[in-house]
Amino acid sequence: MFDKEVLQYKVGGLLYMPAFQRNIVQKISANKLPRLSSAAFCLEDSIQDASLEAAEASLKIILRELERLDCELPLVFVRIRSPRHLETFHESIGSRSKILTGYILPKVDMQNVGGFVTVAKAINDARSTPLYIMPTLESSRVASLSTRRTELLSLKQALDEIKSIVLNIRVGVNDFCKLYGLRRNINQTIYDIGVVRDVLIDILNVFATEYVVAGSVWNYFNGDNGGAWARGLQRELELDRANGFVGKSAIHPAQLPLIFDSLKVTQTDLDDANQLLDWKSSTHGVMKSSDG
């Protein structure tokens, strides 16, 4: 297992799926998802309350089957519902937790972060290897201008207590859009939705200097990689990178290759970095980039 400094960048394109997605085991075994770097099994908003018990049972089978595979696995995460659910689900899977990289925490704000921190600490105190968390910022207290600044600064202070096990900070733009009754179409990026863009920039402002902050989900997909959905995703990925997001949530395997390609270091960036590392001038403090 890589240490956090490397692992936080290996999450990459995080493919979300309901905990009923049993065919994922066969697809991983057959290498049908070559760009799958990480997988998230959702027990939260993709599962009806009445189906939670069945979803948990399905996920336990998936985890057992993944353990038995003789191939390289993606990073595996589970999106749970609450601090109490984190505690009870983790207890219920026992040794199968060894296959997990960590848990995704939904709708984290100052009303629940204390509970999440307490449970995450307890889980890790009982382990010899880290089990990471990825808090998702998507609640109204984070979005609202009247509470946002205090909420974000307080959340960072709370999460700093367990910084060593916070792998990524994630953002839930669909929840933010829902708060304002907005939705981006296939030809728009999330940066075109001004009120949501401002929330994202403030999240980056508070967290991005010390944490990897991952980009939001893109809602469109198809089998045609040259279609409007792909062009829209590529535009948003370019803006994600320009603003400081690293990685992105995915809801369909077709999105993964585009996310993967967006994370590649360009030749220009590599050349410039090598120039800086090989700096020999004793008088100059600047130089021209390799592409002009």
C-alpha atoms as a PDB file:
ATOM      1  CA  MET A   1       0.000   0.000   0.000  1.00  0.00           C
ATOM      2  CA  PHE A   2       1.254   3.467  -0.903  1.00  0.00           C
ATOM      3  CA  ASP A   3       1.552   6.135   1.756  1.00  0.00           C
ATOM      4  CA  LYS A   4      -0.930   8.994   1.804  1.00  0.00           C
ATOM      5  CA  GLU A   5       1.306  11.427  -0.097  1.00  0.00           C
ATOM      6  CA  VAL A   6       1.108   9.145  -3.143  1.00  0.00           C
ATOM      7  CA  LEU A   7      -2.268   7.515  -2.558  1.00  0.00           C
ATOM      8  CA  GLN A   8      -4.190  10.794  -2.458  1.00  0.00           C
ATOM      9  CA  TYR A   9      -3.273  11.326  -6.123  1.00  0.00           C
ATOM     10  CA  LYS A  10      -4.046   7.740  -7.159  1.00  0.00           C
ATOM     11  CA  VAL A  11      -7.786   8.090  -6.515  1.00  0.00           C
ATOM     12  CA  GLY A  12      -8.087   9.759  -9.928  1.00  0.00           C
ATOM     13  CA  GLY A  13     -11.448   9.049 -11.530  1.00  0.00           C
ATOM     14  CA  LEU A  14     -13.635   7.668  -8.735  1.00  0.00           C
ATOM     15  CA  LEU A  15     -16.416   5.510 -10.216  1.00  0.00           C
ATOM     16  CA  TYR A  16     -19.585   5.590  -8.117  1.00  0.00           C
ATOM     17  CA  MET A  17     -22.043   2.707  -8.223  1.00  0.00           C
ATOM     18  CA  PRO A  18     -24.897   1.412  -6.057  1.00  0.00           C
ATOM     19  CA  ALA A  19     -23.971  -1.311  -3.596  1.00  0.00           C
ATOM     20  CA  PHE A  20     -26.093  -3.706  -5.681  1.00  0.00           C
ATOM     21  CA  GLN A  21     -23.588  -3.549  -8.592  1.00  0.00           C
ATOM     22  CA  ARG A  22     -22.577  -7.213  -8.381  1.00  0.00           C
ATOM     23  CA  ASN A  23     -21.273  -7.416 -11.972  1.00  0.00           C
ATOM     24  CA  ILE A  24     -18.387  -5.108 -11.083  1.00  0.00           C
ATOM     25  CA  VAL A  25     -16.434  -8.112  -9.765  1.00  0.00           C
ATOM     26  CA  GLN A  26     -16.548  -9.895 -13.121  1.00  0.00           C
ATOM     27  CA  LYS A  27     -15.614  -6.701 -14.970  1.00  0.00           C
ATOM     28  CA  ILE A  28     -12.581  -6.133 -12.751  1.00  0.00           C
ATOM     29  CA  SER A  29     -11.551  -9.783 -13.065  1.00  0.00           C
ATOM     30  CA  ALA A  30     -11.811  -9.628 -16.877  1.00  0.00           C
ATOM     31  CA  ASN A  31     -10.008  -6.257 -17.020  1.00  0.00           C
ATOM     32  CA  LYS A  32     -12.957  -4.668 -18.791  1.00  0.00           C
ATOM     33  CA  LEU A  33     -12.378  -1.354 -17.002  1.00  0.00           C
ATOM     34  CA  PRO A  34      -8.673  -0.639 -17.659  1.00  0.00           C
ATOM     35  CA  ARG A  35      -8.897   2.987 -16.502  1.00  0.00           C
ATOM     36  CA  LEU A  36     -10.637   2.139 -13.223  1.00  0.00           C
ATOM     37  CA  SER A  37      -8.346   3.515 -10.533  1.00  0.00           C
ATOM     38  CA  SER A  38     -10.903   3.654  -7.711  1.00  0.00           C
ATOM     39  CA  ALA A  39     -14.445   2.466  -7.028  1.00  0.00           C
ATOM     40  CA  ALA A  40     -17.064   3.778  -4.608  1.00  0.00           C
ATOM     41  CA  PHE A  41     -19.946   1.586  -3.489  1.00  0.00           C
ATOM     42  CA  CYS A  42     -22.807   3.814  -2.417  1.00  0.00           C
ATOM     43  CA  LEU A  43     -25.057   3.016   0.538  1.00  0.00           C
ATOM     44  CA  GLU A  44     -26.396   6.556   0.741  1.00  0.00           C
ATOM     45  CA  ASP A  45     -28.461   8.521  -1.767  1.00  0.00           C
ATOM     46  CA  SER A  46     -28.494   5.828  -4.478  1.00  0.00           C
ATOM     47  CA  ILE A  47     -30.204   3.398  -2.085  1.00  0.00           C
ATOM     48  CA  GLN A  48     -33.775   3.685  -0.819  1.00  0.00           C
ATOM     49  CA  ASP A  49     -34.099   3.508   2.971  1.00  0.00           C
ATOM     50  CA  ALA A  50     -36.168   0.333   2.726  1.00  0.00           C
ATOM     51  CA  SER A  51     -33.422  -1.340   0.669  1.00  0.00           C
ATOM     52  CA  LEU A  52     -30.457  -0.450   2.881  1.00  0.00           C
ATOM     53  CA  GLU A  53     -30.229  -3.827   4.599  1.00  0.00           C
ATOM     54  CA  ALA A  54     -30.319  -5.655   1.261  1.00  0.00           C
ATOM     55  CA  ALA A  55     -27.731  -3.266  -0.184  1.00  0.00           C
ATOM     56  CA  GLU A  56     -25.385  -3.902   2.738  1.00  0.00           C
ATOM     57  CA  ALA A  57     -25.786  -7.651   2.282  1.00  0.00           C
ATOM     58  CA  SER A  58     -25.005  -7.306  -1.428  1.00  0.00           C
ATOM     59  CA  LEU A  59     -21.930  -5.202  -0.701  1.00  0.00           C
ATOM     60  CA  LYS A  60     -20.580  -7.737   1.774  1.00  0.00           C
ATOM     61  CA  ILE A  61     -20.767 -10.378  -0.956  1.00  0.00           C
ATOM     62  CA  ILE A  62     -18.987  -8.046  -3.390  1.00  0.00           C
ATOM     63  CA  LEU A  63     -16.204  -7.377  -0.885  1.00  0.00           C
ATOM     64  CA  ARG A  64     -15.764 -11.097  -0.262  1.00  0.00           C
ATOM     65  CA  GLU A  65     -15.596 -11.805  -4.005  1.00  0.00           C
ATOM     66  CA  LEU A  66     -13.114  -8.987  -4.565  1.00  0.00           C
ATOM     67  CA  GLU A  67     -10.887 -10.448  -1.847  1.00  0.00           C
ATOM     68  CA  ARG A  68     -10.723 -13.689  -3.810  1.00  0.00           C
ATOM     69  CA  LEU A  69      -9.644 -12.127  -7.104  1.00  0.00           C
ATOM     70  CA  ASP A  70      -6.098 -12.778  -8.268  1.00  0.00           C
ATOM     71  CA  CYS A  71      -5.593  -9.457 -10.038  1.00  0.00           C
ATOM     72  CA  GLU A  72      -4.791  -5.848  -9.279  1.00  0.00           C
ATOM     73  CA  LEU A  73      -7.760  -4.146  -7.633  1.00  0.00           C
ATOM     74  CA  PRO A  74      -8.814  -0.517  -7.740  1.00  0.00           C
ATOM     75  CA  LEU A  75      -8.893   1.491  -4.551  1.00  0.00           C
ATOM     76  CA  VAL A  76     -12.186   0.546  -2.882  1.00  0.00           C
ATOM     77  CA  PHE A  77     -14.384   2.958  -0.931  1.00  0.00           C
ATOM     78  CA  VAL A  78     -17.837   2.800   0.645  1.00  0.00           C
ATOM     79  CA  ARG A  79     -20.104   5.832   0.871  1.00  0.00           C
ATOM     80  CA  ILE A  80     -21.991   5.541   4.131  1.00  0.00           C
ATOM     81  CA  ARG A  81     -24.831   7.629   5.590  1.00  0.00           C
ATOM     82  CA  SER A  82     -23.897   8.982   9.011  1.00  0.00           C
ATOM     83  CA  PRO A  83     -21.379   8.613  11.849  1.00  0.00           C
ATOM     84  CA  ARG A  84     -23.497   5.878  13.387  1.00  0.00           C
ATOM     85  CA  HIS A  85     -23.794   4.075  10.062  1.00  0.00           C
ATOM     86  CA  LEU A  86     -20.010   4.282   9.619  1.00  0.00           C
ATOM     87  CA  GLU A  87     -19.566   2.629  12.997  1.00  0.00           C
ATOM     88  CA  THR A  88     -22.143  -0.134  12.552  1.00  0.00           C
ATOM     89  CA  PHE A  89     -21.298  -0.996   8.946  1.00  0.00           C
ATOM     90  CA  HIS A  90     -17.586  -1.152   9.676  1.00  0.00           C
ATOM     91  CA  GLU A  91     -18.217  -3.471  12.614  1.00  0.00           C
ATOM     92  CA  SER A  92     -20.459  -5.673  10.469  1.00  0.00           C
ATOM     93  CA  ILE A  93     -17.877  -6.375   7.752  1.00  0.00           C
ATOM     94  CA  GLY A  94     -15.156  -7.524  10.140  1.00  0.00           C
ATOM     95  CA  SER A  95     -11.989  -8.678   8.381  1.00  0.00           C
ATOM     96  CA  ARG A  96     -13.409  -7.732   4.980  1.00  0.00           C
ATOM     97  CA  SER A  97     -12.470  -4.153   5.833  1.00  0.00           C
ATOM     98  CA  LYS A  98      -8.915  -5.099   4.809  1.00  0.00           C
ATOM     99  CA  ILE A  99      -9.904  -4.692   1.175  1.00  0.00           C
ATOM    100  CA  LEU A 100     -11.145  -1.140   1.730  1.00  0.00           C
ATOM    101  CA  THR A 101      -9.059   1.958   1.161  1.00  0.00           C
ATOM    102  CA  GLY A 102     -11.591   3.962   3.116  1.00  0.00           C
ATOM    103  CA  TYR A 103     -15.025   5.503   3.522  1.00  0.00           C
ATOM    104  CA  ILE A 104     -16.707   8.437   1.822  1.00  0.00           C
ATOM    105  CA  LEU A 105     -18.556  10.677   4.257  1.00  0.00           C
ATOM    106  CA  PRO A 106     -21.636  12.457   2.859  1.00  0.00           C
ATOM    107  CA  LYS A 107     -22.912  15.964   3.560  1.00  0.00           C
ATOM    108  CA  VAL A 108     -20.194  16.789   6.064  1.00  0.00           C
ATOM    109  CA  ASP A 109     -20.729  19.997   8.020  1.00  0.00           C
ATOM    110  CA  MET A 110     -20.233  21.201  11.580  1.00  0.00           C
ATOM    111  CA  GLN A 111     -23.376  19.403  12.712  1.00  0.00           C
ATOM    112  CA  ASN A 112     -21.923  15.942  12.032  1.00  0.00           C
ATOM    113  CA  VAL A 113     -18.162  16.288  11.575  1.00  0.00           C
ATOM    114  CA  GLY A 114     -17.469  15.694  15.270  1.00  0.00           C
ATOM    115  CA  GLY A 115     -19.199  12.326  15.118  1.00  0.00           C
ATOM    116  CA  PHE A 116     -17.377  11.349  11.944  1.00  0.00           C
ATOM    117  CA  VAL A 117     -14.009  12.328  13.432  1.00  0.00           C
ATOM    118  CA  THR A 118     -14.662  10.339  16.619  1.00  0.00           C
ATOM    119  CA  VAL A 119     -15.639   7.159  14.748  1.00  0.00           C
ATOM    120  CA  ALA A 120     -12.804   7.482  12.215  1.00  0.00           C
ATOM    121  CA  LYS A 121     -10.291   7.851  15.050  1.00  0.00           C
ATOM    122  CA  ALA A 122     -11.668   4.797  16.842  1.00  0.00           C
ATOM    123  CA  ILE A 123     -11.547   2.670  13.684  1.00  0.00           C
ATOM    124  CA  ASN A 124      -7.943   3.634  12.990  1.00  0.00           C
ATOM    125  CA  ASP A 125      -6.835   3.219  16.596  1.00  0.00           C
ATOM    126  CA  ALA A 126      -7.801  -0.447  16.279  1.00  0.00           C
ATOM    127  CA  ARG A 127      -5.812  -0.972  13.052  1.00  0.00           C
ATOM    128  CA  SER A 128      -2.167  -1.237  12.088  1.00  0.00           C
ATOM    129  CA  THR A 129      -2.747   0.300   8.635  1.00  0.00           C
ATOM    130  CA  PRO A 130      -4.756   3.456   7.865  1.00  0.00           C
ATOM    131  CA  LEU A 131      -8.370   3.354   6.763  1.00  0.00           C
ATOM    132  CA  TYR A 132      -8.914   6.695   5.087  1.00  0.00           C
ATOM    133  CA  ILE A 133     -11.908   8.988   4.895  1.00  0.00           C
ATOM    134  CA  MET A 134     -13.003  11.325   2.126  1.00  0.00           C
ATOM    135  CA  PRO A 135     -15.431  13.979   3.442  1.00  0.00           C
ATOM    136  CA  THR A 136     -17.912  15.331   0.897  1.00  0.00           C
ATOM    137  CA  LEU A 137     -18.874  18.997   1.193  1.00  0.00           C
ATOM    138  CA  GLU A 138     -22.381  19.407  -0.192  1.00  0.00           C
ATOM    139  CA  SER A 139     -24.676  20.781   2.514  1.00  0.00           C
ATOM    140  CA  SER A 140     -26.620  24.034   2.686  1.00  0.00           C
ATOM    141  CA  ARG A 141     -24.382  25.347   5.484  1.00  0.00           C
ATOM    142  CA  VAL A 142     -21.411  25.123   3.127  1.00  0.00           C
ATOM    143  CA  ALA A 143     -23.345  26.679   0.240  1.00  0.00           C
ATOM    144  CA  SER A 144     -25.082  29.566   2.014  1.00  0.00           C
ATOM    145  CA  LEU A 145     -23.119  32.804   1.901  1.00  0.00           C
ATOM    146  CA  SER A 146     -24.256  33.649   5.448  1.00  0.00           C
ATOM    147  CA  THR A 147     -22.576  30.553   6.947  1.00  0.00           C
ATOM    148  CA  ARG A 148     -20.023  29.467   4.333  1.00  0.00           C
ATOM    149  CA  ARG A 149     -16.852  31.159   5.563  1.00  0.00           C
ATOM    150  CA  THR A 150     -17.273  30.164   9.200  1.00  0.00           C
ATOM    151  CA  GLU A 151     -18.401  26.671   8.210  1.00  0.00           C
ATOM    152  CA  LEU A 152     -15.461  25.989   5.909  1.00  0.00           C
ATOM    153  CA  LEU A 153     -12.833  27.322   8.314  1.00  0.00           C
ATOM    154  CA  SER A 154     -14.369  25.365  11.201  1.00  0.00           C
ATOM    155  CA  LEU A 155     -14.557  22.198   9.105  1.00  0.00           C
ATOM    156  CA  LYS A 156     -10.919  22.472   8.164  1.00  0.00           C
ATOM    157  CA  GLN A 157      -9.951  22.919  11.799  1.00  0.00           C
ATOM    158  CA  ALA A 158     -11.971  19.824  12.738  1.00  0.00           C
ATOM    159  CA  LEU A 159     -10.544  17.704   9.914  1.00  0.00           C
ATOM    160  CA  ASP A 160      -7.004  18.850  10.650  1.00  0.00           C
ATOM    161  CA  GLU A 161      -7.242  16.765  13.848  1.00  0.00           C
ATOM    162  CA  ILE A 162      -7.244  13.638  11.669  1.00  0.00           C
ATOM    163  CA  LYS A 163      -5.349  15.040   8.699  1.00  0.00           C
ATOM    164  CA  SER A 164      -3.251  11.898   8.310  1.00  0.00           C
ATOM    165  CA  ILE A 165      -6.338   9.848   7.361  1.00  0.00           C
ATOM    166  CA  VAL A 166      -8.174  12.427   5.220  1.00  0.00           C
ATOM    167  CA  LEU A 167      -7.300  11.218   1.720  1.00  0.00           C
ATOM    168  CA  ASN A 168      -9.297  13.690  -0.402  1.00  0.00           C
ATOM    169  CA  ILE A 169     -11.861  16.414   0.082  1.00  0.00           C
ATOM    170  CA  ARG A 170     -14.787  15.874  -2.276  1.00  0.00           C
ATOM    171  CA  VAL A 171     -17.554  18.214  -3.431  1.00  0.00           C
ATOM    172  CA  GLY A 172     -21.196  17.500  -4.218  1.00  0.00           C
ATOM    173  CA  VAL A 173     -22.278  19.932  -6.910  1.00  0.00           C
ATOM    174  CA  ASN A 174     -25.590  18.210  -7.619  1.00  0.00           C
ATOM    175  CA  ASP A 175     -26.643  18.939  -4.050  1.00  0.00           C
ATOM    176  CA  PHE A 176     -25.494  22.551  -4.424  1.00  0.00           C
ATOM    177  CA  CYS A 177     -27.401  22.927  -7.704  1.00  0.00           C
ATOM    178  CA  LYS A 178     -30.500  21.414  -6.123  1.00  0.00           C
ATOM    179  CA  LEU A 179     -30.409  23.995  -3.333  1.00  0.00           C
ATOM    180  CA  TYR A 180     -30.759  26.767  -5.909  1.00  0.00           C
ATOM    181  CA  GLY A 181     -33.018  24.929  -8.359  1.00  0.00           C
ATOM    182  CA  LEU A 182     -30.303  24.917 -11.035  1.00  0.00           C
ATOM    183  CA  ARG A 183     -28.892  22.358 -13.463  1.00  0.00           C
ATOM    184  CA  ARG A 184     -26.075  22.593 -15.999  1.00  0.00           C
ATOM    185  CA  ASN A 185     -26.844  21.236 -19.443  1.00  0.00           C
ATOM    186  CA  ILE A 186     -24.564  19.182 -21.647  1.00  0.00           C
ATOM    187  CA  ASN A 187     -23.017  22.310 -23.174  1.00  0.00           C
ATOM    188  CA  GLN A 188     -22.275  24.009 -19.846  1.00  0.00           C
ATOM    189  CA  THR A 189     -19.654  23.364 -17.190  1.00  0.00           C
ATOM    190  CA  ILE A 190     -20.243  23.785 -13.481  1.00  0.00           C
ATOM    191  CA  TYR A 191     -18.186  26.977 -13.732  1.00  0.00           C
ATOM    192  CA  ASP A 192     -21.001  28.514 -15.807  1.00  0.00           C
ATOM    193  CA  ILE A 193     -23.315  28.227 -12.776  1.00  0.00           C
ATOM    194  CA  GLY A 194     -22.028  31.273 -10.912  1.00  0.00           C
ATOM    195  CA  VAL A 195     -23.539  30.671  -7.490  1.00  0.00           C
ATOM    196  CA  VAL A 196     -22.143  27.108  -7.403  1.00  0.00           C
ATOM    197  CA  ARG A 197     -18.803  28.133  -8.887  1.00  0.00           C
ATOM    198  CA  ASP A 198     -18.348  30.592  -6.021  1.00  0.00           C
ATOM    199  CA  VAL A 199     -18.895  27.815  -3.463  1.00  0.00           C
ATOM    200  CA  LEU A 200     -16.317  25.608  -5.181  1.00  0.00           C
ATOM    201  CA  ILE A 201     -13.726  28.379  -5.312  1.00  0.00           C
ATOM    202  CA  ASP A 202     -14.180  29.058  -1.595  1.00  0.00           C
ATOM    203  CA  ILE A 203     -13.738  25.344  -0.827  1.00  0.00           C
ATOM    204  CA  LEU A 204     -10.509  25.337  -2.824  1.00  0.00           C
ATOM    205  CA  ASN A 205      -9.378  28.527  -1.108  1.00  0.00           C
ATOM    206  CA  VAL A 206      -9.703  26.909   2.322  1.00  0.00           C
ATOM    207  CA  PHE A 207      -8.571  23.333   1.622  1.00  0.00           C
ATOM    208  CA  ALA A 208      -6.433  23.080  -1.522  1.00  0.00           C
ATOM    209  CA  THR A 209      -3.124  24.196   0.013  1.00  0.00           C
ATOM    210  CA  GLU A 210      -3.112  21.231   2.417  1.00  0.00           C
ATOM    211  CA  TYR A 211      -5.503  18.643   0.951  1.00  0.00           C
ATOM    212  CA  VAL A 212      -6.203  17.126  -2.446  1.00  0.00           C
ATOM    213  CA  VAL A 213      -9.641  18.403  -3.474  1.00  0.00           C
ATOM    214  CA  ALA A 214     -11.382  16.301  -6.135  1.00  0.00           C
ATOM    215  CA  GLY A 215     -13.607  17.624  -8.897  1.00  0.00           C
ATOM    216  CA  SER A 216     -17.346  17.114  -9.067  1.00  0.00           C
ATOM    217  CA  VAL A 217     -19.401  14.595 -10.996  1.00  0.00           C
ATOM    218  CA  TRP A 218     -20.297  15.148 -14.667  1.00  0.00           C
ATOM    219  CA  ASN A 219     -23.883  14.043 -15.257  1.00  0.00           C
ATOM    220  CA  TYR A 220     -23.694  13.020 -18.915  1.00  0.00           C
ATOM    221  CA  PHE A 221     -22.323   9.936 -20.683  1.00  0.00           C
ATOM    222  CA  ASN A 222     -22.774   7.802 -23.781  1.00  0.00           C
ATOM    223  CA  GLY A 223     -20.877   5.261 -25.821  1.00  0.00           C
ATOM    224  CA  ASP A 224     -19.713   7.901 -28.294  1.00  0.00           C
ATOM    225  CA  ASN A 225     -16.440   9.369 -27.020  1.00  0.00           C
ATOM    226  CA  GLY A 226     -16.634  12.121 -29.618  1.00  0.00           C
ATOM    227  CA  GLY A 227     -20.114  13.236 -28.635  1.00  0.00           C
ATOM    228  CA  ALA A 228     -21.345  16.377 -26.898  1.00  0.00           C
ATOM    229  CA  TRP A 229     -21.163  14.710 -23.475  1.00  0.00           C
ATOM    230  CA  ALA A 230     -17.444  13.962 -23.936  1.00  0.00           C
ATOM    231  CA  ARG A 231     -16.636  17.444 -25.213  1.00  0.00           C
ATOM    232  CA  GLY A 232     -18.474  18.923 -22.233  1.00  0.00           C
ATOM    233  CA  LEU A 233     -16.599  16.694 -19.793  1.00  0.00           C
ATOM    234  CA  GLN A 234     -13.267  17.612 -21.385  1.00  0.00           C
ATOM    235  CA  ARG A 235     -14.056  21.321 -21.047  1.00  0.00           C
ATOM    236  CA  GLU A 236     -14.964  20.888 -17.395  1.00  0.00           C
ATOM    237  CA  LEU A 237     -11.846  18.798 -16.731  1.00  0.00           C
ATOM    238  CA  GLU A 238      -9.695  21.541 -18.226  1.00  0.00           C
ATOM    239  CA  LEU A 239     -11.298  24.097 -15.911  1.00  0.00           C
ATOM    240  CA  ASP A 240     -11.032  21.713 -12.942  1.00  0.00           C
ATOM    241  CA  ARG A 241      -7.304  21.476 -13.505  1.00  0.00           C
ATOM    242  CA  ALA A 242      -6.892  25.225 -14.001  1.00  0.00           C
ATOM    243  CA  ASN A 243      -8.652  25.911 -10.694  1.00  0.00           C
ATOM    244  CA  GLY A 244      -6.844  23.294  -8.605  1.00  0.00           C
ATOM    245  CA  PHE A 245      -9.084  20.212  -8.514  1.00  0.00           C
ATOM    246  CA  VAL A 246      -7.312  16.850  -8.796  1.00  0.00           C
ATOM    247  CA  GLY A 247      -9.330  13.853  -9.975  1.00  0.00           C
ATOM    248  CA  LYS A 248     -13.076  13.686 -10.496  1.00  0.00           C
ATOM    249  CA  SER A 249     -16.135  11.672  -9.552  1.00  0.00           C
ATOM    250  CA  ALA A 250     -17.536   9.471 -12.344  1.00  0.00           C
ATOM    251  CA  ILE A 251     -20.910   7.796 -12.766  1.00  0.00           C
ATOM    252  CA  HIS A 252     -20.163   5.689 -15.861  1.00  0.00           C
ATOM    253  CA  PRO A 253     -17.088   3.783 -17.064  1.00  0.00           C
ATOM    254  CA  ALA A 254     -17.127   5.747 -20.351  1.00  0.00           C
ATOM    255  CA  GLN A 255     -16.061   8.822 -18.387  1.00  0.00           C
ATOM    256  CA  LEU A 256     -12.959   7.191 -16.903  1.00  0.00           C
ATOM    257  CA  PRO A 257     -10.561   7.385 -19.891  1.00  0.00           C
ATOM    258  CA  LEU A 258     -11.226  11.113 -20.279  1.00  0.00           C
ATOM    259  CA  ILE A 259     -10.585  11.726 -16.585  1.00  0.00           C
ATOM    260  CA  PHE A 260      -7.456   9.564 -16.730  1.00  0.00           C
ATOM    261  CA  ASP A 261      -6.065  11.479 -19.709  1.00  0.00           C
ATOM    262  CA  SER A 262      -6.750  14.820 -18.023  1.00  0.00           C
ATOM    263  CA  LEU A 263      -4.443  13.856 -15.155  1.00  0.00           C
ATOM    264  CA  LYS A 264      -1.420  13.197 -17.355  1.00  0.00           C
ATOM    265  CA  VAL A 265       1.454  15.622 -16.999  1.00  0.00           C
ATOM    266  CA  THR A 266       1.987  17.534 -20.240  1.00  0.00           C
ATOM    267  CA  GLN A 267       5.371  17.479 -21.933  1.00  0.00           C
ATOM    268  CA  THR A 268       5.647  21.233 -21.426  1.00  0.00           C
ATOM    269  CA  ASP A 269       5.059  20.953 -17.687  1.00  0.00           C
ATOM    270  CA  LEU A 270       7.569  18.112 -17.450  1.00  0.00           C
ATOM    271  CA  ASP A 271      10.205  20.045 -19.394  1.00  0.00           C
ATOM    272  CA  ASP A 272       9.684  23.153 -17.270  1.00  0.00           C
ATOM    273  CA  ALA A 273       9.925  21.143 -14.055  1.00  0.00           C
ATOM    274  CA  ASN A 274      13.162  19.522 -15.209  1.00  0.00           C
ATOM    275  CA  GLN A 275      14.593  22.942 -16.055  1.00  0.00           C
ATOM    276  CA  LEU A 276      13.822  24.176 -12.556  1.00  0.00           C
ATOM    277  CA  LEU A 277      15.314  21.089 -10.924  1.00  0.00           C
ATOM    278  CA  ASP A 278      18.448  21.521 -13.023  1.00  0.00           C
ATOM    279  CA  TRP A 279      18.748  25.257 -12.353  1.00  0.00           C
ATOM    280  CA  LYS A 280      22.340  26.410 -12.794  1.00  0.00           C
ATOM    281  CA  SER A 281      22.137  30.178 -13.161  1.00  0.00           C
ATOM    282  CA  SER A 282      23.626  32.110 -10.256  1.00  0.00           C
ATOM    283  CA  THR A 283      22.165  35.423 -11.423  1.00  0.00           C
ATOM    284  CA  HIS A 284      18.744  34.832 -12.990  1.00  0.00           C
ATOM    285  CA  GLY A 285      15.616  33.990 -11.023  1.00  0.00           C
ATOM    286  CA  VAL A 286      13.296  33.454 -13.999  1.00  0.00           C
ATOM    287  CA  MET A 287      13.396  31.670 -17.342  1.00  0.00           C
ATOM    288  CA  LYS A 288      11.224  31.199 -20.409  1.00  0.00           C
ATOM    289  CA  SER A 289       8.870  28.225 -20.478  1.00  0.00           C
ATOM    290  CA  SER A 290       9.731  25.489 -22.960  1.00  0.00           C
ATOM    291  CA  ASP A 291       6.675  26.387 -25.061  1.00  0.00           C
ATOM    292  CA  GLY A 292       7.374  30.122 -25.092  1.00  0.00           C
END
